[in-house]
């Protein structure tokens, strides 16, 4: 599954994305709002589900080479989106809860196996 498939399947809004970002392969997902926990456990190619919206999420996603950040229920400030665009990090948004999106993503990734 690619990021573009997630966008269309779940009606996700794009806050910062490039052509390359749309084509990233999603390898799994990780849900946490604690940046140090994400750095310790998320893997390259994962979708990171969070409610965090400050600019530091971009640095974490870039460091780990995540497929994208999926922000749940909170609007992402423009300065965070601008930093993501500059660093080539994809940020998506949904009005759904982190709990709901985690379940949907898990099911979707495991259905394809």
N, C-alpha and C. Protein backbone atom coordinates (compact mmCIF):
# COMPACT_ATOMS: atom_id res chain seq x y z
N UNK A 1 0.85 -1.17 0.00
CA UNK A 1 0.00 0.00 0.00
C UNK A 1 0.90 1.24 0.00
N UNK A 2 0.49 2.23 -0.76
CA UNK A 2 1.22 3.48 -0.82
C UNK A 2 0.44 4.57 -0.08
N UNK A 3 1.12 5.66 0.22
CA UNK A 3 0.49 6.78 0.91
C UNK A 3 -0.73 7.26 0.14
N UNK A 4 -0.64 7.32 -1.19
CA UNK A 4 -1.78 7.78 -1.99
C UNK A 4 -3.00 6.88 -1.80
N UNK A 5 -2.77 5.59 -1.55
CA UNK A 5 -3.87 4.66 -1.31
C UNK A 5 -4.53 4.95 0.03
N UNK A 6 -3.74 5.29 1.04
CA UNK A 6 -4.30 5.67 2.34
C UNK A 6 -5.17 6.92 2.20
N UNK A 7 -4.67 7.88 1.45
CA UNK A 7 -5.40 9.13 1.26
C UNK A 7 -6.77 8.87 0.65
N UNK A 8 -6.81 8.08 -0.41
CA UNK A 8 -8.09 7.83 -1.07
C UNK A 8 -8.98 6.89 -0.27
N UNK A 9 -8.41 5.87 0.34
CA UNK A 9 -9.22 4.90 1.08
C UNK A 9 -9.90 5.52 2.31
N UNK A 10 -9.19 6.42 3.01
CA UNK A 10 -9.72 6.97 4.25
C UNK A 10 -10.11 8.44 4.15
N UNK A 11 -10.03 9.03 2.96
CA UNK A 11 -10.42 10.42 2.77
C UNK A 11 -9.57 11.38 3.58
N UNK A 12 -8.27 11.12 3.62
CA UNK A 12 -7.37 11.95 4.40
C UNK A 12 -7.07 13.27 3.69
N UNK A 13 -6.92 14.31 4.46
CA UNK A 13 -6.57 15.62 3.91
C UNK A 13 -5.06 15.76 3.86
N UNK A 14 -4.57 16.38 2.81
CA UNK A 14 -3.14 16.58 2.63
C UNK A 14 -2.76 17.95 3.18
N UNK A 15 -1.83 17.97 4.11
CA UNK A 15 -1.34 19.23 4.67
C UNK A 15 0.04 19.57 4.11
N UNK A 16 0.85 18.56 3.84
CA UNK A 16 2.17 18.75 3.22
C UNK A 16 2.50 17.44 2.53
N UNK A 17 2.69 17.50 1.20
CA UNK A 17 2.97 16.26 0.47
C UNK A 17 3.61 16.60 -0.88
N UNK A 18 4.41 15.69 -1.35
CA UNK A 18 5.04 15.83 -2.66
C UNK A 18 4.64 14.62 -3.51
N UNK A 19 5.00 14.65 -4.77
CA UNK A 19 4.74 13.51 -5.64
C UNK A 19 5.43 12.27 -5.09
N UNK A 20 6.67 12.42 -4.64
CA UNK A 20 7.40 11.29 -4.07
C UNK A 20 6.72 10.79 -2.80
N UNK A 21 6.20 11.73 -2.01
CA UNK A 21 5.51 11.37 -0.77
C UNK A 21 4.28 10.52 -1.02
N UNK A 22 3.55 10.81 -2.09
CA UNK A 22 2.35 10.03 -2.44
C UNK A 22 2.70 8.59 -2.78
N UNK A 23 3.90 8.40 -3.30
CA UNK A 23 4.30 7.07 -3.78
C UNK A 23 5.05 6.25 -2.74
N UNK A 24 5.27 6.81 -1.55
CA UNK A 24 5.97 6.06 -0.50
C UNK A 24 5.17 4.82 -0.14
N UNK A 25 5.85 3.74 0.06
CA UNK A 25 5.22 2.50 0.50
C UNK A 25 5.07 2.52 2.01
N UNK A 26 3.89 2.14 2.47
CA UNK A 26 3.60 2.08 3.90
C UNK A 26 3.96 0.68 4.39
N UNK A 27 4.90 0.62 5.32
CA UNK A 27 5.38 -0.65 5.86
C UNK A 27 4.69 -1.06 7.15
N UNK A 28 4.06 -0.11 7.81
CA UNK A 28 3.41 -0.37 9.09
C UNK A 28 2.98 0.95 9.69
N UNK A 29 2.66 0.93 10.96
CA UNK A 29 2.23 2.14 11.62
C UNK A 29 2.65 2.16 13.07
N UNK A 30 2.70 3.36 13.63
CA UNK A 30 3.02 3.52 15.04
C UNK A 30 2.21 4.69 15.57
N UNK A 31 1.60 4.50 16.73
CA UNK A 31 0.75 5.51 17.32
C UNK A 31 1.30 5.93 18.68
N UNK A 32 1.68 7.20 18.78
CA UNK A 32 2.16 7.74 20.05
C UNK A 32 2.25 9.26 19.93
N UNK A 33 2.13 9.91 21.07
CA UNK A 33 2.30 11.36 21.12
C UNK A 33 3.59 11.75 21.84
N UNK A 34 4.37 10.75 22.24
CA UNK A 34 5.64 10.98 22.93
C UNK A 34 6.76 10.81 21.91
N UNK A 35 7.43 11.90 21.57
CA UNK A 35 8.43 11.88 20.50
C UNK A 35 9.55 10.89 20.77
N UNK A 36 10.03 10.80 22.00
CA UNK A 36 11.11 9.86 22.31
C UNK A 36 10.66 8.42 22.14
N UNK A 37 9.41 8.14 22.41
CA UNK A 37 8.87 6.79 22.21
C UNK A 37 8.81 6.46 20.72
N UNK A 38 8.40 7.43 19.91
CA UNK A 38 8.35 7.24 18.46
C UNK A 38 9.77 6.98 17.94
N UNK A 39 10.73 7.77 18.40
CA UNK A 39 12.12 7.59 17.95
C UNK A 39 12.66 6.21 18.33
N UNK A 40 12.20 5.67 19.43
CA UNK A 40 12.69 4.37 19.89
C UNK A 40 12.01 3.19 19.20
N UNK A 41 10.78 3.38 18.71
CA UNK A 41 10.01 2.22 18.24
C UNK A 41 9.51 2.26 16.80
N UNK A 42 9.31 3.43 16.23
CA UNK A 42 8.82 3.51 14.85
C UNK A 42 9.94 3.11 13.89
N UNK A 43 9.56 2.60 12.75
CA UNK A 43 10.52 2.11 11.74
C UNK A 43 10.37 2.90 10.44
N UNK A 44 11.42 2.90 9.62
CA UNK A 44 11.31 3.55 8.31
C UNK A 44 10.11 3.00 7.52
N UNK A 45 9.39 3.89 6.87
CA UNK A 45 8.23 3.48 6.09
C UNK A 45 6.93 3.40 6.87
N UNK A 46 6.97 3.66 8.16
CA UNK A 46 5.76 3.62 8.97
C UNK A 46 4.95 4.91 8.82
N UNK A 47 3.66 4.78 9.07
CA UNK A 47 2.77 5.93 9.27
C UNK A 47 2.79 6.21 10.76
N UNK A 48 3.02 7.46 11.12
CA UNK A 48 3.00 7.85 12.53
C UNK A 48 1.69 8.56 12.80
N UNK A 49 0.86 7.98 13.68
CA UNK A 49 -0.41 8.57 14.08
C UNK A 49 -0.19 9.33 15.38
N UNK A 50 -0.62 10.60 15.42
CA UNK A 50 -0.38 11.45 16.57
C UNK A 50 -1.39 12.59 16.63
N UNK A 51 -1.42 13.25 17.78
CA UNK A 51 -2.15 14.51 17.91
C UNK A 51 -1.18 15.68 18.06
N UNK A 52 0.11 15.38 18.07
CA UNK A 52 1.13 16.44 18.15
C UNK A 52 1.15 17.23 16.85
N UNK A 53 1.34 18.53 16.96
CA UNK A 53 1.34 19.36 15.75
C UNK A 53 2.50 20.35 15.68
N UNK A 54 3.39 20.35 16.67
CA UNK A 54 4.49 21.30 16.65
C UNK A 54 5.55 20.87 15.64
N UNK A 55 6.44 21.76 15.31
CA UNK A 55 7.43 21.53 14.26
C UNK A 55 8.36 20.35 14.53
N UNK A 56 8.53 19.97 15.77
CA UNK A 56 9.43 18.86 16.09
C UNK A 56 8.97 17.52 15.50
N UNK A 57 7.69 17.40 15.18
CA UNK A 57 7.23 16.14 14.57
C UNK A 57 7.88 15.93 13.20
N UNK A 58 8.16 17.03 12.53
CA UNK A 58 8.80 16.96 11.21
C UNK A 58 10.22 16.41 11.36
N UNK A 59 10.95 16.89 12.35
CA UNK A 59 12.31 16.41 12.58
C UNK A 59 12.33 14.92 12.89
N UNK A 60 11.40 14.47 13.70
CA UNK A 60 11.34 13.05 14.05
C UNK A 60 11.03 12.21 12.82
N UNK A 61 10.05 12.63 12.04
CA UNK A 61 9.67 11.88 10.83
C UNK A 61 10.82 11.83 9.83
N UNK A 62 11.53 12.92 9.70
CA UNK A 62 12.66 12.98 8.77
C UNK A 62 13.79 12.07 9.25
N UNK A 63 14.10 12.15 10.53
CA UNK A 63 15.16 11.33 11.12
C UNK A 63 14.90 9.83 10.92
N UNK A 64 13.65 9.42 11.07
CA UNK A 64 13.29 8.01 10.99
C UNK A 64 12.90 7.55 9.58
N UNK A 65 12.83 8.49 8.64
CA UNK A 65 12.41 8.19 7.27
C UNK A 65 11.01 7.55 7.25
N UNK A 66 10.09 8.16 7.99
CA UNK A 66 8.71 7.66 8.04
C UNK A 66 8.00 7.94 6.72
N UNK A 67 7.03 7.10 6.38
CA UNK A 67 6.25 7.30 5.16
C UNK A 67 5.44 8.58 5.25
N UNK A 68 4.87 8.84 6.43
CA UNK A 68 4.09 10.06 6.64
C UNK A 68 3.72 10.20 8.10
N UNK A 69 3.26 11.39 8.43
CA UNK A 69 2.67 11.68 9.73
C UNK A 69 1.17 11.84 9.49
N UNK A 70 0.36 11.18 10.30
CA UNK A 70 -1.09 11.34 10.23
C UNK A 70 -1.55 11.98 11.53
N UNK A 71 -1.92 13.25 11.44
CA UNK A 71 -2.40 13.99 12.60
C UNK A 71 -3.90 13.78 12.72
N UNK A 72 -4.31 13.37 13.91
CA UNK A 72 -5.73 13.07 14.16
C UNK A 72 -6.37 14.16 15.00
N UNK A 73 -7.46 14.70 14.50
CA UNK A 73 -8.38 15.60 15.20
C UNK A 73 -7.87 16.99 15.52
N UNK A 74 -6.61 17.30 15.33
CA UNK A 74 -6.09 18.63 15.63
C UNK A 74 -5.55 19.26 14.36
N UNK A 75 -5.84 20.52 14.16
CA UNK A 75 -5.34 21.22 12.99
C UNK A 75 -3.84 21.42 13.10
N UNK A 76 -3.18 21.32 11.97
CA UNK A 76 -1.73 21.46 11.91
C UNK A 76 -1.39 22.91 11.57
N UNK A 77 -0.57 23.57 12.40
CA UNK A 77 -0.21 24.97 12.12
C UNK A 77 0.55 25.09 10.80
N UNK A 78 0.38 26.21 10.15
CA UNK A 78 1.03 26.43 8.85
C UNK A 78 2.55 26.35 8.96
N UNK A 79 3.12 26.83 10.07
CA UNK A 79 4.58 26.76 10.19
C UNK A 79 5.09 25.32 10.23
N UNK A 80 4.31 24.42 10.79
CA UNK A 80 4.68 22.99 10.79
C UNK A 80 4.57 22.44 9.37
N UNK A 81 3.52 22.80 8.67
CA UNK A 81 3.34 22.35 7.28
C UNK A 81 4.45 22.88 6.39
N UNK A 82 4.82 24.13 6.59
CA UNK A 82 5.88 24.72 5.78
C UNK A 82 7.21 24.02 6.02
N UNK A 83 7.51 23.73 7.26
CA UNK A 83 8.76 23.00 7.56
C UNK A 83 8.72 21.61 6.93
N UNK A 84 7.57 20.96 6.98
CA UNK A 84 7.44 19.63 6.36
C UNK A 84 7.68 19.70 4.86
N UNK A 85 7.11 20.70 4.21
CA UNK A 85 7.33 20.86 2.77
C UNK A 85 8.81 21.07 2.46
N UNK A 86 9.46 21.89 3.25
CA UNK A 86 10.88 22.17 3.06
C UNK A 86 11.73 20.91 3.23
N UNK A 87 11.37 20.06 4.19
CA UNK A 87 12.15 18.86 4.48
C UNK A 87 11.65 17.62 3.75
N UNK A 88 10.60 17.76 2.96
CA UNK A 88 10.09 16.62 2.20
C UNK A 88 9.37 15.58 3.03
N UNK A 89 8.74 16.03 4.11
CA UNK A 89 7.98 15.14 5.00
C UNK A 89 6.50 15.30 4.69
N UNK A 90 5.80 14.19 4.58
CA UNK A 90 4.37 14.21 4.30
C UNK A 90 3.57 14.28 5.59
N UNK A 91 2.64 15.24 5.65
CA UNK A 91 1.70 15.34 6.77
C UNK A 91 0.30 15.22 6.21
N UNK A 92 -0.45 14.29 6.78
CA UNK A 92 -1.86 14.09 6.44
C UNK A 92 -2.69 14.42 7.67
N UNK A 93 -3.99 14.65 7.46
CA UNK A 93 -4.87 15.01 8.57
C UNK A 93 -6.20 14.28 8.43
N UNK A 94 -6.78 13.95 9.59
CA UNK A 94 -8.11 13.35 9.63
C UNK A 94 -8.88 13.88 10.83
N UNK A 95 -10.21 14.01 10.70
CA UNK A 95 -11.01 14.39 11.85
C UNK A 95 -11.27 13.19 12.78
N UNK A 96 -10.93 12.00 12.31
CA UNK A 96 -11.14 10.79 13.12
C UNK A 96 -10.18 10.76 14.32
N UNK A 97 -10.55 9.97 15.32
CA UNK A 97 -9.69 9.82 16.49
C UNK A 97 -8.49 8.94 16.16
N UNK A 98 -7.47 9.06 16.97
CA UNK A 98 -6.27 8.24 16.84
C UNK A 98 -6.65 6.77 17.00
N UNK A 99 -7.52 6.46 17.93
CA UNK A 99 -7.98 5.09 18.16
C UNK A 99 -8.63 4.50 16.90
N UNK A 100 -9.55 5.26 16.32
CA UNK A 100 -10.24 4.79 15.13
C UNK A 100 -9.27 4.59 13.96
N UNK A 101 -8.40 5.58 13.72
CA UNK A 101 -7.47 5.48 12.59
C UNK A 101 -6.46 4.35 12.80
N UNK A 102 -6.04 4.13 14.02
CA UNK A 102 -5.11 3.03 14.29
C UNK A 102 -5.75 1.70 13.91
N UNK A 103 -7.00 1.52 14.28
CA UNK A 103 -7.71 0.29 13.94
C UNK A 103 -7.90 0.13 12.44
N UNK A 104 -8.30 1.21 11.78
CA UNK A 104 -8.50 1.15 10.33
C UNK A 104 -7.20 0.86 9.59
N UNK A 105 -6.12 1.52 10.01
CA UNK A 105 -4.83 1.30 9.37
C UNK A 105 -4.34 -0.12 9.60
N UNK A 106 -4.45 -0.59 10.82
CA UNK A 106 -4.03 -1.95 11.15
C UNK A 106 -4.78 -2.96 10.28
N UNK A 107 -6.09 -2.82 10.23
CA UNK A 107 -6.92 -3.74 9.44
C UNK A 107 -6.55 -3.69 7.96
N UNK A 108 -6.36 -2.49 7.46
CA UNK A 108 -6.04 -2.32 6.05
C UNK A 108 -4.69 -2.94 5.69
N UNK A 109 -3.70 -2.75 6.54
CA UNK A 109 -2.37 -3.31 6.27
C UNK A 109 -2.36 -4.83 6.40
N UNK A 110 -3.15 -5.37 7.30
CA UNK A 110 -3.18 -6.82 7.49
C UNK A 110 -4.09 -7.54 6.50
N UNK A 111 -5.03 -6.82 5.91
CA UNK A 111 -5.89 -7.42 4.86
C UNK A 111 -5.12 -7.72 3.62
N UNK A 112 -4.04 -6.97 3.36
CA UNK A 112 -3.28 -7.16 2.12
C UNK A 112 -2.30 -8.32 2.20
N UNK A 113 -2.10 -8.88 3.38
CA UNK A 113 -1.13 -9.98 3.52
C UNK A 113 -1.72 -11.31 3.18
